[in-house]
Amino acid sequence: MSTPVNRQILLAARPTGTIKASDFKYVESAPPVPGPDQALVRNLYLSLDPAMRGWMREGDSYIEPVKLGDVMRGGTIGEVVASNSPAFAVGDKVFGMGGWQDYYLVHAKSGARVLPADVPFPLTSFLSVLGITGLTAYFGLLDVGKPKAGETVVVSTAAGAVGSIVCQIAKIQGCRVVGIAGSDEKCAWIKNELGVEAAINYKTQDVATELRTACPKKIDVYFDNVGGEILNTVLGMINVHARVVVCGAITQYNATQPTPGPSNYITLLTKRSRMEGFVVIDYMDRAMEGIMQLGQWLAEGRLRYREDIVDGLEHAPTAILRLFNGSNTGKLIVKIA
């Protein structure tokens, strides 16, 4: 029997502009040995998320940046392969921040969560629709956006992992939904499969013109994943008491210079509206609420999702670029084992 090896991908440099393969370093070591009340987890799947670009950057944020020389942070699903902890049994499937590596240690207070064994959904769904992705859409839209039946909801990166779930939850709430995406294929998917009323290709269409057509009663809720010019355009079309949910700003993550703020921000005053950012980790005490509701909708056939799975941990440093060039189709996941 061969000796197990713990492949690890470390953060070697803080990216300037677009992430490069040279910003990471590949190393191998022996798997860690679990001590008292610890368990050893072998990672099976790794989630790749836009937030990782922020974790690589020094500066004040909602979470400490990854230190140079440390294993790159990331959410994973793994299997317990050895345990000295009553909280984890060998064979348990676990969600945790296992990072870009094969093995890591957990304990009862590490935040790792044993996943239920009897759900009728693929294991990877706990990284997508039933994981942080789905919870981001659920709490961001319902708790921050507070949509009401009959209102118009606009979603950017509407074919993305979070955006596509937002679109469907808004439809479940009885809203008119307009999605903005980056290709004709993605627009066709959110319109034909997810049921949005209108889809706009921001790369080939004039967003302002298309929004005026698609939103004859203007915009009540905007779920923002991109920032930049699209945010500025939407702000010029909001209704009184509109809600702008700031989930991300992917157009700015790789910027090397400060980006201009939205010139239409004054409409937040004149329309007595609200723009609010949120981070899903603030809702972890309510995670089960979201998972149960998302699971119910999924079982009822009211939610659809796509996963884009890349085979091999070694490909993570190049696969993550697909989040920023728009070439991924659905939730981006790396299969580790």
C-alpha atoms as a PDB file:
ATOM      1  CA  MET A   1       0.000   0.000   0.000  1.00  0.00           C
ATOM      2  CA  SER A   2       1.375   3.388  -0.986  1.00  0.00           C
ATOM      3  CA  THR A   3       1.949   6.034   1.680  1.00  0.00           C
ATOM      4  CA  PRO A   4      -0.664   8.834   1.520  1.00  0.00           C
ATOM      5  CA  VAL A   5       0.604  12.222   0.372  1.00  0.00           C
ATOM      6  CA  ASN A   6      -0.948  15.551   1.300  1.00  0.00           C
ATOM      7  CA  ARG A   7      -0.806  17.707  -1.804  1.00  0.00           C
ATOM      8  CA  GLN A   8      -1.113  21.383  -0.880  1.00  0.00           C
ATOM      9  CA  ILE A   9      -1.415  24.587  -2.875  1.00  0.00           C
ATOM     10  CA  LEU A  10      -0.036  27.584  -0.997  1.00  0.00           C
ATOM     11  CA  LEU A  11      -0.482  31.295  -1.604  1.00  0.00           C
ATOM     12  CA  ALA A  12       2.987  32.343  -2.800  1.00  0.00           C
ATOM     13  CA  ALA A  13       2.345  35.961  -3.822  1.00  0.00           C
ATOM     14  CA  ARG A  14      -0.386  38.574  -3.566  1.00  0.00           C
ATOM     15  CA  PRO A  15      -1.878  38.931  -7.050  1.00  0.00           C
ATOM     16  CA  THR A  16      -1.559  42.183  -8.934  1.00  0.00           C
ATOM     17  CA  GLY A  17      -4.477  42.398 -11.324  1.00  0.00           C
ATOM     18  CA  THR A  18      -5.612  39.018 -12.641  1.00  0.00           C
ATOM     19  CA  ILE A  19      -4.634  35.929 -10.655  1.00  0.00           C
ATOM     20  CA  LYS A  20      -1.655  34.069 -12.139  1.00  0.00           C
ATOM     21  CA  ALA A  21      -0.464  30.502 -11.679  1.00  0.00           C
ATOM     22  CA  SER A  22       2.775  31.921 -10.238  1.00  0.00           C
ATOM     23  CA  ASP A  23       0.782  33.361  -7.318  1.00  0.00           C
ATOM     24  CA  PHE A  24       0.555  29.786  -5.984  1.00  0.00           C
ATOM     25  CA  LYS A  25       3.057  27.127  -4.964  1.00  0.00           C
ATOM     26  CA  TYR A  26       2.503  23.370  -5.064  1.00  0.00           C
ATOM     27  CA  VAL A  27       4.050  21.297  -2.263  1.00  0.00           C
ATOM     28  CA  GLU A  28       3.699  17.782  -0.875  1.00  0.00           C
ATOM     29  CA  SER A  29       3.915  16.591   2.717  1.00  0.00           C
ATOM     30  CA  ALA A  30       2.722  13.777   4.941  1.00  0.00           C
ATOM     31  CA  PRO A  31      -0.913  13.998   6.083  1.00  0.00           C
ATOM     32  CA  PRO A  32      -1.307  15.433   9.596  1.00  0.00           C
ATOM     33  CA  VAL A  33      -1.863  13.012  12.467  1.00  0.00           C
ATOM     34  CA  PRO A  34      -5.013  13.551  14.535  1.00  0.00           C
ATOM     35  CA  GLY A  35      -4.423  14.242  18.211  1.00  0.00           C
ATOM     36  CA  PRO A  36      -6.900  13.956  21.106  1.00  0.00           C
ATOM     37  CA  ASP A  37     -10.443  15.018  20.089  1.00  0.00           C
ATOM     38  CA  GLN A  38      -9.342  15.514  16.481  1.00  0.00           C
ATOM     39  CA  ALA A  39     -10.266  13.804  13.230  1.00  0.00           C
ATOM     40  CA  LEU A  40      -8.484  13.558   9.891  1.00  0.00           C
ATOM     41  CA  VAL A  41     -10.529  14.502   6.833  1.00  0.00           C
ATOM     42  CA  ARG A  42      -9.637  13.664   3.242  1.00  0.00           C
ATOM     43  CA  ASN A  43     -11.001  16.320   0.926  1.00  0.00           C
ATOM     44  CA  LEU A  44     -13.136  15.150  -1.972  1.00  0.00           C
ATOM     45  CA  TYR A  45     -14.382  18.430  -3.484  1.00  0.00           C
ATOM     46  CA  LEU A  46     -13.221  22.045  -3.308  1.00  0.00           C
ATOM     47  CA  SER A  47     -15.410  25.082  -3.910  1.00  0.00           C
ATOM     48  CA  LEU A  48     -13.954  27.912  -6.024  1.00  0.00           C
ATOM     49  CA  ASP A  49     -15.533  31.287  -5.279  1.00  0.00           C
ATOM     50  CA  PRO A  50     -15.022  34.925  -6.342  1.00  0.00           C
ATOM     51  CA  ALA A  51     -14.487  35.845  -2.678  1.00  0.00           C
ATOM     52  CA  MET A  52     -11.142  34.046  -2.832  1.00  0.00           C
ATOM     53  CA  ARG A  53      -9.718  36.968  -4.799  1.00  0.00           C
ATOM     54  CA  GLY A  54     -10.416  39.218  -1.817  1.00  0.00           C
ATOM     55  CA  TRP A  55      -8.882  36.715   0.621  1.00  0.00           C
ATOM     56  CA  MET A  56      -5.616  36.954  -1.317  1.00  0.00           C
ATOM     57  CA  ARG A  57      -5.448  40.726  -0.862  1.00  0.00           C
ATOM     58  CA  GLU A  58      -3.982  42.501   2.149  1.00  0.00           C
ATOM     59  CA  GLY A  59      -6.244  45.024   3.828  1.00  0.00           C
ATOM     60  CA  ASP A  60      -9.236  45.415   6.103  1.00  0.00           C
ATOM     61  CA  SER A  61     -12.072  43.047   5.251  1.00  0.00           C
ATOM     62  CA  TYR A  62     -14.674  40.812   6.867  1.00  0.00           C
ATOM     63  CA  ILE A  63     -12.094  38.019   7.240  1.00  0.00           C
ATOM     64  CA  GLU A  64      -8.334  37.903   7.670  1.00  0.00           C
ATOM     65  CA  PRO A  65      -6.423  37.546   4.395  1.00  0.00           C
ATOM     66  CA  VAL A  66      -4.639  34.305   3.655  1.00  0.00           C
ATOM     67  CA  LYS A  67      -1.032  34.641   4.797  1.00  0.00           C
ATOM     68  CA  LEU A  68       1.735  34.156   2.276  1.00  0.00           C
ATOM     69  CA  GLY A  69       2.999  30.593   2.541  1.00  0.00           C
ATOM     70  CA  ASP A  70      -0.279  29.284   3.970  1.00  0.00           C
ATOM     71  CA  VAL A  71      -2.577  26.771   2.294  1.00  0.00           C
ATOM     72  CA  MET A  72      -5.073  28.658   0.155  1.00  0.00           C
ATOM     73  CA  ARG A  73      -8.396  28.934   1.968  1.00  0.00           C
ATOM     74  CA  GLY A  74     -11.476  27.252   0.537  1.00  0.00           C
ATOM     75  CA  GLY A  75     -14.638  25.409   1.475  1.00  0.00           C
ATOM     76  CA  THR A  76     -14.493  21.660   0.972  1.00  0.00           C
ATOM     77  CA  ILE A  77     -16.458  18.469   1.329  1.00  0.00           C
ATOM     78  CA  GLY A  78     -14.429  15.561   2.636  1.00  0.00           C
ATOM     79  CA  GLU A  79     -14.619  12.190   4.328  1.00  0.00           C
ATOM     80  CA  VAL A  80     -13.381  11.380   7.823  1.00  0.00           C
ATOM     81  CA  VAL A  81     -10.642   8.746   7.468  1.00  0.00           C
ATOM     82  CA  ALA A  82      -9.385   8.632  11.083  1.00  0.00           C
ATOM     83  CA  SER A  83     -10.898   9.958  14.276  1.00  0.00           C
ATOM     84  CA  ASN A  84     -10.146  10.474  17.958  1.00  0.00           C
ATOM     85  CA  SER A  85     -13.227  12.644  18.372  1.00  0.00           C
ATOM     86  CA  PRO A  86     -16.727  11.614  19.432  1.00  0.00           C
ATOM     87  CA  ALA A  87     -18.054  14.361  17.134  1.00  0.00           C
ATOM     88  CA  PHE A  88     -16.741  12.680  13.967  1.00  0.00           C
ATOM     89  CA  ALA A  89     -16.971   9.038  12.913  1.00  0.00           C
ATOM     90  CA  VAL A  90     -14.885   7.404  10.221  1.00  0.00           C
ATOM     91  CA  GLY A  91     -16.903   7.596   7.012  1.00  0.00           C
ATOM     92  CA  ASP A  92     -18.724  10.806   7.929  1.00  0.00           C
ATOM     93  CA  LYS A  93     -18.949  13.343   5.115  1.00  0.00           C
ATOM     94  CA  VAL A  94     -17.933  16.782   6.370  1.00  0.00           C
ATOM     95  CA  PHE A  95     -18.196  20.357   5.134  1.00  0.00           C
ATOM     96  CA  GLY A  96     -15.458  22.673   6.378  1.00  0.00           C
ATOM     97  CA  MET A  97     -12.814  25.181   5.366  1.00  0.00           C
ATOM     98  CA  GLY A  98     -10.452  22.412   4.391  1.00  0.00           C
ATOM     99  CA  GLY A  99      -8.474  24.494   1.923  1.00  0.00           C
ATOM    100  CA  TRP A 100      -6.625  23.634  -1.263  1.00  0.00           C
ATOM    101  CA  GLN A 101      -5.168  20.344  -0.054  1.00  0.00           C
ATOM    102  CA  ASP A 102      -5.884  16.635   0.324  1.00  0.00           C
ATOM    103  CA  TYR A 103      -6.052  16.324   4.123  1.00  0.00           C
ATOM    104  CA  TYR A 104      -6.791  18.514   7.142  1.00  0.00           C
ATOM    105  CA  LEU A 105      -7.699  18.169  10.815  1.00  0.00           C
ATOM    106  CA  VAL A 106     -11.017  19.028  12.445  1.00  0.00           C
ATOM    107  CA  HIS A 107     -12.319  19.096  16.004  1.00  0.00           C
ATOM    108  CA  ALA A 108     -15.693  19.702  17.601  1.00  0.00           C
ATOM    109  CA  LYS A 109     -15.258  23.495  17.704  1.00  0.00           C
ATOM    110  CA  SER A 110     -13.516  23.989  14.352  1.00  0.00           C
ATOM    111  CA  GLY A 111     -16.731  24.869  12.521  1.00  0.00           C
ATOM    112  CA  ALA A 112     -16.726  21.735  10.368  1.00  0.00           C
ATOM    113  CA  ARG A 113     -20.195  20.261   9.944  1.00  0.00           C
ATOM    114  CA  VAL A 114     -21.131  16.606   9.445  1.00  0.00           C
ATOM    115  CA  LEU A 115     -23.464  16.351   6.457  1.00  0.00           C
ATOM    116  CA  PRO A 116     -26.661  14.287   6.576  1.00  0.00           C
ATOM    117  CA  ALA A 117     -26.297  10.873   4.979  1.00  0.00           C
ATOM    118  CA  ASP A 118     -29.887  10.416   3.845  1.00  0.00           C
ATOM    119  CA  VAL A 119     -30.493  13.325   1.452  1.00  0.00           C
ATOM    120  CA  PRO A 120     -31.534  12.481  -2.132  1.00  0.00           C
ATOM    121  CA  PHE A 121     -29.132  14.995  -3.701  1.00  0.00           C
ATOM    122  CA  PRO A 122     -25.528  14.712  -4.937  1.00  0.00           C
ATOM    123  CA  LEU A 123     -22.788  15.357  -2.389  1.00  0.00           C
ATOM    124  CA  THR A 124     -21.606  18.376  -4.386  1.00  0.00           C
ATOM    125  CA  SER A 125     -24.970  20.079  -3.818  1.00  0.00           C
ATOM    126  CA  PHE A 126     -23.636  21.007  -0.358  1.00  0.00           C
ATOM    127  CA  LEU A 127     -21.106  23.242  -2.115  1.00  0.00           C
ATOM    128  CA  SER A 128     -23.715  24.726  -4.431  1.00  0.00           C
ATOM    129  CA  VAL A 129     -27.467  24.985  -3.990  1.00  0.00           C
ATOM    130  CA  LEU A 130     -27.501  23.564  -0.424  1.00  0.00           C
ATOM    131  CA  GLY A 131     -24.211  25.181   0.591  1.00  0.00           C
ATOM    132  CA  ILE A 132     -22.762  28.661   0.945  1.00  0.00           C
ATOM    133  CA  THR A 133     -23.862  29.480  -2.605  1.00  0.00           C
ATOM    134  CA  GLY A 134     -27.529  28.736  -1.963  1.00  0.00           C
ATOM    135  CA  LEU A 135     -27.467  30.360   1.471  1.00  0.00           C
ATOM    136  CA  THR A 136     -25.957  33.530  -0.018  1.00  0.00           C
ATOM    137  CA  ALA A 137     -28.828  33.733  -2.486  1.00  0.00           C
ATOM    138  CA  TYR A 138     -31.451  32.844   0.136  1.00  0.00           C
ATOM    139  CA  PHE A 139     -30.493  35.286   2.881  1.00  0.00           C
ATOM    140  CA  GLY A 140     -29.253  38.016   0.554  1.00  0.00           C
ATOM    141  CA  LEU A 141     -32.489  38.193  -1.391  1.00  0.00           C
ATOM    142  CA  LEU A 142     -35.037  37.447   1.329  1.00  0.00           C
ATOM    143  CA  ASP A 143     -33.454  39.169   4.340  1.00  0.00           C
ATOM    144  CA  VAL A 144     -31.723  42.105   2.649  1.00  0.00           C
ATOM    145  CA  GLY A 145     -33.721  42.512  -0.572  1.00  0.00           C
ATOM    146  CA  LYS A 146     -37.104  41.722   0.993  1.00  0.00           C
ATOM    147  CA  PRO A 147     -38.936  41.180  -2.331  1.00  0.00           C
ATOM    148  CA  LYS A 148     -42.721  41.416  -2.503  1.00  0.00           C
ATOM    149  CA  ALA A 149     -45.019  39.706  -4.971  1.00  0.00           C
ATOM    150  CA  GLY A 150     -45.467  41.807  -8.096  1.00  0.00           C
ATOM    151  CA  GLU A 151     -42.196  43.703  -7.702  1.00  0.00           C
ATOM    152  CA  THR A 152     -39.457  43.795 -10.330  1.00  0.00           C
ATOM    153  CA  VAL A 153     -36.168  42.145  -9.353  1.00  0.00           C
ATOM    154  CA  VAL A 154     -33.015  42.581 -11.455  1.00  0.00           C
ATOM    155  CA  VAL A 155     -30.089  40.187 -10.969  1.00  0.00           C
ATOM    156  CA  SER A 156     -26.554  40.557 -12.347  1.00  0.00           C
ATOM    157  CA  THR A 157     -24.445  37.465 -13.150  1.00  0.00           C
ATOM    158  CA  ALA A 158     -27.865  35.843 -13.321  1.00  0.00           C
ATOM    159  CA  ALA A 159     -26.527  32.596 -14.794  1.00  0.00           C
ATOM    160  CA  GLY A 160     -23.859  32.288 -12.112  1.00  0.00           C
ATOM    161  CA  ALA A 161     -23.937  30.031  -9.083  1.00  0.00           C
ATOM    162  CA  VAL A 162     -25.519  32.598  -6.749  1.00  0.00           C
ATOM    163  CA  GLY A 163     -27.380  34.671  -9.316  1.00  0.00           C
ATOM    164  CA  SER A 164     -29.261  31.738 -10.810  1.00  0.00           C
ATOM    165  CA  ILE A 165     -30.581  30.737  -7.384  1.00  0.00           C
ATOM    166  CA  VAL A 166     -31.562  34.353  -6.670  1.00  0.00           C
ATOM    167  CA  CYS A 167     -33.562  34.461  -9.903  1.00  0.00           C
ATOM    168  CA  GLN A 168     -35.513  31.351  -8.968  1.00  0.00           C
ATOM    169  CA  ILE A 169     -36.212  32.414  -5.374  1.00  0.00           C
ATOM    170  CA  ALA A 170     -37.485  35.740  -6.697  1.00  0.00           C
ATOM    171  CA  LYS A 171     -39.805  33.846  -9.043  1.00  0.00           C
ATOM    172  CA  ILE A 172     -41.030  31.715  -6.142  1.00  0.00           C
ATOM    173  CA  GLN A 173     -41.835  34.966  -4.316  1.00  0.00           C
ATOM    174  CA  GLY A 174     -44.034  36.060  -7.224  1.00  0.00           C
ATOM    175  CA  CYS A 175     -41.724  38.712  -8.668  1.00  0.00           C
ATOM    176  CA  ARG A 176     -40.994  39.805 -12.216  1.00  0.00           C
ATOM    177  CA  VAL A 177     -37.341  38.848 -12.768  1.00  0.00           C
ATOM    178  CA  VAL A 178     -34.853  40.305 -15.210  1.00  0.00           C
ATOM    179  CA  GLY A 179     -31.438  38.653 -15.451  1.00  0.00           C
ATOM    180  CA  ILE A 180     -28.184  40.064 -16.793  1.00  0.00           C
ATOM    181  CA  ALA A 181     -25.600  37.564 -18.092  1.00  0.00           C
ATOM    182  CA  GLY A 182     -22.564  37.419 -20.368  1.00  0.00           C
ATOM    183  CA  SER A 183     -23.497  35.176 -23.288  1.00  0.00           C
ATOM    184  CA  ASP A 184     -26.449  34.237 -25.462  1.00  0.00           C
ATOM    185  CA  GLU A 185     -26.285  30.662 -24.122  1.00  0.00           C
ATOM    186  CA  LYS A 186     -26.487  31.865 -20.522  1.00  0.00           C
ATOM    187  CA  CYS A 187     -29.343  34.230 -21.365  1.00  0.00           C
ATOM    188  CA  ALA A 188     -31.239  31.399 -23.061  1.00  0.00           C
ATOM    189  CA  TRP A 189     -30.723  29.165 -20.019  1.00  0.00           C
ATOM    190  CA  ILE A 190     -32.038  31.635 -17.454  1.00  0.00           C
ATOM    191  CA  LYS A 191     -34.998  32.498 -19.662  1.00  0.00           C
ATOM    192  CA  ASN A 192     -35.972  29.062 -20.936  1.00  0.00           C
ATOM    193  CA  GLU A 193     -34.976  26.925 -17.951  1.00  0.00           C
ATOM    194  CA  LEU A 194     -35.245  29.282 -14.970  1.00  0.00           C
ATOM    195  CA  GLY A 195     -38.222  31.261 -16.244  1.00  0.00           C
ATOM    196  CA  VAL A 196     -37.017  34.855 -15.940  1.00  0.00           C
ATOM    197  CA  GLU A 197     -39.176  37.335 -17.841  1.00  0.00           C
ATOM    198  CA  ALA A 198     -36.245  38.933 -19.652  1.00  0.00           C
ATOM    199  CA  ALA A 199     -32.525  38.226 -20.115  1.00  0.00           C
ATOM    200  CA  ILE A 200     -29.924  40.800 -21.144  1.00  0.00           C
ATOM    201  CA  ASN A 201     -26.515  39.989 -22.631  1.00  0.00           C
ATOM    202  CA  TYR A 202     -24.371  42.809 -21.272  1.00  0.00           C
ATOM    203  CA  LYS A 203     -21.585  42.009 -23.747  1.00  0.00           C
ATOM    204  CA  THR A 204     -23.675  42.482 -26.889  1.00  0.00           C
ATOM    205  CA  GLN A 205     -26.647  44.610 -25.805  1.00  0.00           C
ATOM    206  CA  ASP A 206     -27.026  48.096 -24.360  1.00  0.00           C
ATOM    207  CA  VAL A 207     -27.961  47.382 -20.751  1.00  0.00           C
ATOM    208  CA  ALA A 208     -29.691  50.721 -20.119  1.00  0.00           C
ATOM    209  CA  THR A 209     -31.875  50.413 -23.216  1.00  0.00           C
ATOM    210  CA  GLU A 210     -32.784  46.799 -22.507  1.00  0.00           C
ATOM    211  CA  LEU A 211     -33.582  47.510 -18.849  1.00  0.00           C
ATOM    212  CA  ARG A 212     -35.965  50.312 -19.799  1.00  0.00           C
ATOM    213  CA  THR A 213     -37.828  47.835 -22.007  1.00  0.00           C
ATOM    214  CA  ALA A 214     -37.723  44.922 -19.566  1.00  0.00           C
ATOM    215  CA  CYS A 215     -38.629  46.986 -16.483  1.00  0.00           C
ATOM    216  CA  PRO A 216     -41.580  49.198 -17.501  1.00  0.00           C
ATOM    217  CA  LYS A 217     -42.410  49.771 -13.815  1.00  0.00           C
ATOM    218  CA  LYS A 218     -38.729  50.370 -12.970  1.00  0.00           C
ATOM    219  CA  ILE A 219     -36.742  48.340 -10.446  1.00  0.00           C
ATOM    220  CA  ASP A 220     -37.687  47.459  -6.875  1.00  0.00           C
ATOM    221  CA  VAL A 221     -34.840  45.093  -5.957  1.00  0.00           C
ATOM    222  CA  TYR A 222     -31.399  44.825  -7.520  1.00  0.00           C
ATOM    223  CA  PHE A 223     -29.162  41.915  -6.510  1.00  0.00           C
ATOM    224  CA  ASP A 224     -25.686  43.173  -7.376  1.00  0.00           C
ATOM    225  CA  ASN A 225     -22.804  40.800  -8.026  1.00  0.00           C
ATOM    226  CA  VAL A 226     -20.724  43.028 -10.286  1.00  0.00           C
ATOM    227  CA  GLY A 227     -20.621  46.696  -9.241  1.00  0.00           C
ATOM    228  CA  GLY A 228     -19.243  49.056 -11.871  1.00  0.00           C
ATOM    229  CA  GLU A 229     -21.244  50.514 -14.719  1.00  0.00           C
ATOM    230  CA  ILE A 230     -24.145  48.056 -14.441  1.00  0.00           C
ATOM    231  CA  LEU A 231     -24.722  49.111 -10.827  1.00  0.00           C
ATOM    232  CA  ASN A 232     -24.610  52.749 -11.895  1.00  0.00           C
ATOM    233  CA  THR A 233     -27.136  52.105 -14.671  1.00  0.00           C
ATOM    234  CA  VAL A 234     -29.546  50.304 -12.341  1.00  0.00           C
ATOM    235  CA  LEU A 235     -29.374  53.077  -9.745  1.00  0.00           C
ATOM    236  CA  GLY A 236     -30.759  55.450 -12.370  1.00  0.00           C
ATOM    237  CA  MET A 237     -33.869  53.256 -12.726  1.00  0.00           C
ATOM    238  CA  ILE A 238     -34.853  52.362  -9.169  1.00  0.00           C
ATOM    239  CA  ASN A 239     -38.264  52.932  -7.613  1.00  0.00           C
ATOM    240  CA  VAL A 240     -39.087  54.712  -4.375  1.00  0.00           C
ATOM    241  CA  HIS A 241     -38.042  52.483  -1.448  1.00  0.00           C
ATOM    242  CA  ALA A 242     -36.022  50.175  -3.699  1.00  0.00           C
ATOM    243  CA  ARG A 243     -33.472  47.805  -2.164  1.00  0.00           C
ATOM    244  CA  VAL A 244     -30.024  47.274  -3.662  1.00  0.00           C
ATOM    245  CA  VAL A 245     -28.370  44.109  -2.314  1.00  0.00           C
ATOM    246  CA  VAL A 246     -24.570  44.297  -2.539  1.00  0.00           C
ATOM    247  CA  CYS A 247     -23.365  40.696  -2.740  1.00  0.00           C
ATOM    248  CA  GLY A 248     -20.206  41.227  -4.776  1.00  0.00           C
ATOM    249  CA  ALA A 249     -18.344  43.465  -7.209  1.00  0.00           C
ATOM    250  CA  ILE A 250     -16.553  41.076  -9.509  1.00  0.00           C
ATOM    251  CA  THR A 251     -15.712  43.810 -12.035  1.00  0.00           C
ATOM    252  CA  GLN A 252     -13.457  45.390  -9.402  1.00  0.00           C
ATOM    253  CA  TYR A 253     -11.720  42.396  -7.822  1.00  0.00           C
ATOM    254  CA  ASN A 254      -8.775  42.432 -10.226  1.00  0.00           C
ATOM    255  CA  ALA A 255      -8.543  46.220 -10.553  1.00  0.00           C
ATOM    256  CA  THR A 256      -5.054  47.662 -10.040  1.00  0.00           C
ATOM    257  CA  GLN A 257      -6.332  51.222  -9.543  1.00  0.00           C
ATOM    258  CA  PRO A 258      -9.268  52.550  -7.482  1.00  0.00           C
ATOM    259  CA  THR A 259     -12.492  52.331  -9.471  1.00  0.00           C
ATOM    260  CA  PRO A 260     -14.904  55.288  -9.668  1.00  0.00           C
ATOM    261  CA  GLY A 261     -17.969  55.163  -7.444  1.00  0.00           C
ATOM    262  CA  PRO A 262     -21.469  55.203  -8.982  1.00  0.00           C
ATOM    263  CA  SER A 263     -22.419  58.670 -10.185  1.00  0.00           C
ATOM    264  CA  ASN A 264     -26.117  57.841  -9.818  1.00  0.00           C
ATOM    265  CA  TYR A 265     -25.843  57.213  -6.068  1.00  0.00           C
ATOM    266  CA  ILE A 266     -27.933  60.352  -5.391  1.00  0.00           C
ATOM    267  CA  THR A 267     -31.025  58.400  -6.476  1.00  0.00           C
ATOM    268  CA  LEU A 268     -30.749  56.502  -3.200  1.00  0.00           C
ATOM    269  CA  LEU A 269     -31.677  59.819  -1.603  1.00  0.00           C
ATOM    270  CA  THR A 270     -34.297  61.029  -4.046  1.00  0.00           C
ATOM    271  CA  LYS A 271     -35.963  57.598  -4.171  1.00  0.00           C
ATOM    272  CA  ARG A 272     -35.599  57.054  -0.407  1.00  0.00           C
ATOM    273  CA  SER A 273     -33.968  53.733  -1.177  1.00  0.00           C
ATOM    274  CA  ARG A 274     -31.442  51.505   0.518  1.00  0.00           C
ATOM    275  CA  MET A 275     -28.172  49.922  -0.654  1.00  0.00           C
ATOM    276  CA  GLU A 276     -26.846  47.332   1.796  1.00  0.00           C
ATOM    277  CA  GLY A 277     -23.974  44.913   1.731  1.00  0.00           C
ATOM    278  CA  PHE A 278     -24.024  41.555   3.467  1.00  0.00           C
ATOM    279  CA  VAL A 279     -21.761  38.587   4.120  1.00  0.00           C
ATOM    280  CA  VAL A 280     -23.343  35.155   4.418  1.00  0.00           C
ATOM    281  CA  ILE A 281     -21.205  34.123   7.404  1.00  0.00           C
ATOM    282  CA  ASP A 282     -23.332  36.513   9.468  1.00  0.00           C
ATOM    283  CA  TYR A 283     -26.259  34.138   8.900  1.00  0.00           C
ATOM    284  CA  MET A 284     -24.585  30.866   9.871  1.00  0.00           C
ATOM    285  CA  ASP A 285     -26.680  30.593  13.026  1.00  0.00           C
ATOM    286  CA  ARG A 286     -29.683  30.313  10.684  1.00  0.00           C
ATOM    287  CA  ALA A 287     -28.030  28.050   8.116  1.00  0.00           C
ATOM    288  CA  MET A 288     -30.327  25.087   8.787  1.00  0.00           C
ATOM    289  CA  GLU A 289     -33.369  27.278   8.114  1.00  0.00           C
ATOM    290  CA  GLY A 290     -32.023  28.111   4.681  1.00  0.00           C
ATOM    291  CA  ILE A 291     -30.875  24.573   3.892  1.00  0.00           C
ATOM    292  CA  MET A 292     -34.247  23.111   4.812  1.00  0.00           C
ATOM    293  CA  GLN A 293     -36.172  25.578   2.649  1.00  0.00           C
ATOM    294  CA  LEU A 294     -33.784  25.288  -0.289  1.00  0.00           C
ATOM    295  CA  GLY A 295     -33.936  21.495   0.003  1.00  0.00           C
ATOM    296  CA  GLN A 296     -37.726  21.578  -0.038  1.00  0.00           C
ATOM    297  CA  TRP A 297     -37.814  23.742  -3.148  1.00  0.00           C
ATOM    298  CA  LEU A 298     -35.230  21.481  -4.773  1.00  0.00           C
ATOM    299  CA  ALA A 299     -37.240  18.348  -3.969  1.00  0.00           C
ATOM    300  CA  GLU A 300     -40.380  20.001  -5.374  1.00  0.00           C
ATOM    301  CA  GLY A 301     -38.588  20.770  -8.646  1.00  0.00           C
ATOM    302  CA  ARG A 302     -38.796  24.526  -8.093  1.00  0.00           C
ATOM    303  CA  LEU A 303     -35.024  25.033  -8.089  1.00  0.00           C
ATOM    304  CA  ARG A 304     -32.540  24.083 -10.783  1.00  0.00           C
ATOM    305  CA  TYR A 305     -28.790  24.429 -10.646  1.00  0.00           C
ATOM    306  CA  ARG A 306     -25.690  23.718 -12.697  1.00  0.00           C
ATOM    307  CA  GLU A 307     -22.248  22.621 -11.559  1.00  0.00           C
ATOM    308  CA  ASP A 308     -18.989  23.036 -13.455  1.00  0.00           C
ATOM    309  CA  ILE A 309     -16.638  20.379 -12.060  1.00  0.00           C
ATOM    310  CA  VAL A 310     -12.898  20.429 -12.812  1.00  0.00           C
ATOM    311  CA  ASP A 311     -10.991  17.198 -12.178  1.00  0.00           C
ATOM    312  CA  GLY A 312      -7.754  17.501 -10.198  1.00  0.00           C
ATOM    313  CA  LEU A 313      -6.498  19.685  -7.337  1.00  0.00           C
ATOM    314  CA  GLU A 314      -3.521  20.705  -9.460  1.00  0.00           C
ATOM    315  CA  HIS A 315      -5.875  22.558 -11.804  1.00  0.00           C
ATOM    316  CA  ALA A 316      -7.355  24.832  -9.127  1.00  0.00           C
ATOM    317  CA  PRO A 317      -4.931  27.756  -9.783  1.00  0.00           C
ATOM    318  CA  THR A 318      -5.999  27.953 -13.430  1.00  0.00           C
ATOM    319  CA  ALA A 319      -9.625  26.915 -12.960  1.00  0.00           C
ATOM    320  CA  ILE A 320     -10.326  29.846 -10.634  1.00  0.00           C
ATOM    321  CA  LEU A 321      -9.718  32.239 -13.545  1.00  0.00           C
ATOM    322  CA  ARG A 322     -12.959  31.016 -15.107  1.00  0.00           C
ATOM    323  CA  LEU A 323     -14.872  32.913 -12.417  1.00  0.00           C
ATOM    324  CA  PHE A 324     -13.448  36.183 -13.689  1.00  0.00           C
ATOM    325  CA  ASN A 325     -13.540  35.643 -17.448  1.00  0.00           C
ATOM    326  CA  GLY A 326     -17.076  34.246 -17.376  1.00  0.00           C
ATOM    327  CA  SER A 327     -16.251  30.887 -18.945  1.00  0.00           C
ATOM    328  CA  ASN A 328     -17.671  28.798 -16.105  1.00  0.00           C
ATOM    329  CA  THR A 329     -21.187  27.400 -16.441  1.00  0.00           C
ATOM    330  CA  GLY A 330     -22.654  27.114 -12.972  1.00  0.00           C
ATOM    331  CA  LYS A 331     -21.062  26.513  -9.601  1.00  0.00           C
ATOM    332  CA  LEU A 332     -17.313  25.976 -10.054  1.00  0.00           C
ATOM    333  CA  ILE A 333     -16.014  22.961  -8.120  1.00  0.00           C
ATOM    334  CA  VAL A 334     -12.730  21.054  -8.169  1.00  0.00           C
ATOM    335  CA  LYS A 335     -12.856  17.276  -7.714  1.00  0.00           C
ATOM    336  CA  ILE A 336      -9.904  16.411  -5.499  1.00  0.00           C
ATOM    337  CA  ALA A 337     -10.425  12.685  -4.959  1.00  0.00           C
END
